[in-house]
Amino acid sequence: MVKAFIPTDDIKSSCLAVIEAIIDDISTKADHMISLDFPPLGSH
């Protein structure tokens, strides 16, 4: 019964790849936002 709900390795790897891509995209955008909104202290 439980095995029916466990995705295959291919599905797992593709889902992980998509999740990692989304996380990378979000973190990259967050880095840009942070660098724009909060310039380094030396630039003041």
Protein backbone atom coordinates (compact mmCIF):
# COMPACT_ATOMS: atom_id res chain seq x y z
CA MET A 1 0.00 0.00 0.00
CA VAL A 2 2.71 2.46 0.97
CA LYS A 3 4.82 1.75 -2.11
CA ALA A 4 2.02 3.00 -4.36
CA PHE A 5 2.53 6.51 -2.97
CA ILE A 6 6.33 6.54 -3.25
CA PRO A 7 7.39 8.14 -6.56
CA THR A 8 10.01 6.46 -8.69
CA ASP A 9 13.62 7.64 -8.59
CA ASP A 10 13.15 9.44 -11.93
CA ILE A 11 10.24 11.45 -10.57
CA LYS A 12 12.15 12.18 -7.37
CA SER A 13 15.23 13.38 -9.22
CA SER A 14 13.24 15.55 -11.63
CA CYS A 15 11.24 17.07 -8.76
CA LEU A 16 14.45 17.76 -6.85
CA ALA A 17 15.98 19.36 -9.94
CA VAL A 18 12.95 21.64 -10.34
CA ILE A 19 12.95 22.53 -6.64
CA GLU A 20 16.68 23.29 -6.71
CA ALA A 21 16.23 25.49 -9.79
CA ILE A 22 13.41 27.40 -8.08
CA ILE A 23 15.47 27.84 -4.90
CA ASP A 24 18.47 29.03 -6.93
CA ASP A 25 16.25 31.50 -8.79
CA ILE A 26 14.71 32.83 -5.58
CA SER A 27 18.05 33.11 -3.80
CA THR A 28 19.58 34.90 -6.80
CA LYS A 29 16.70 37.37 -6.89
CA ALA A 30 16.95 37.81 -3.12
CA ASP A 31 20.67 38.55 -3.42
CA HIS A 32 19.96 41.22 -6.04
CA MET A 33 17.15 42.72 -3.95
CA ILE A 34 19.32 42.78 -0.82
CA SER A 35 22.26 44.34 -2.66
CA LEU A 36 19.96 47.02 -4.10
CA ASP A 37 17.99 47.78 -0.93
CA PHE A 38 20.87 47.48 1.53
CA PRO A 39 24.11 48.79 0.02
CA PRO A 40 27.31 47.94 1.89
CA LEU A 41 28.12 50.22 4.82
CA GLY A 42 31.27 51.42 3.04
CA SER A 43 29.21 53.01 0.24
CA HIS A 44 27.44 55.47 2.54
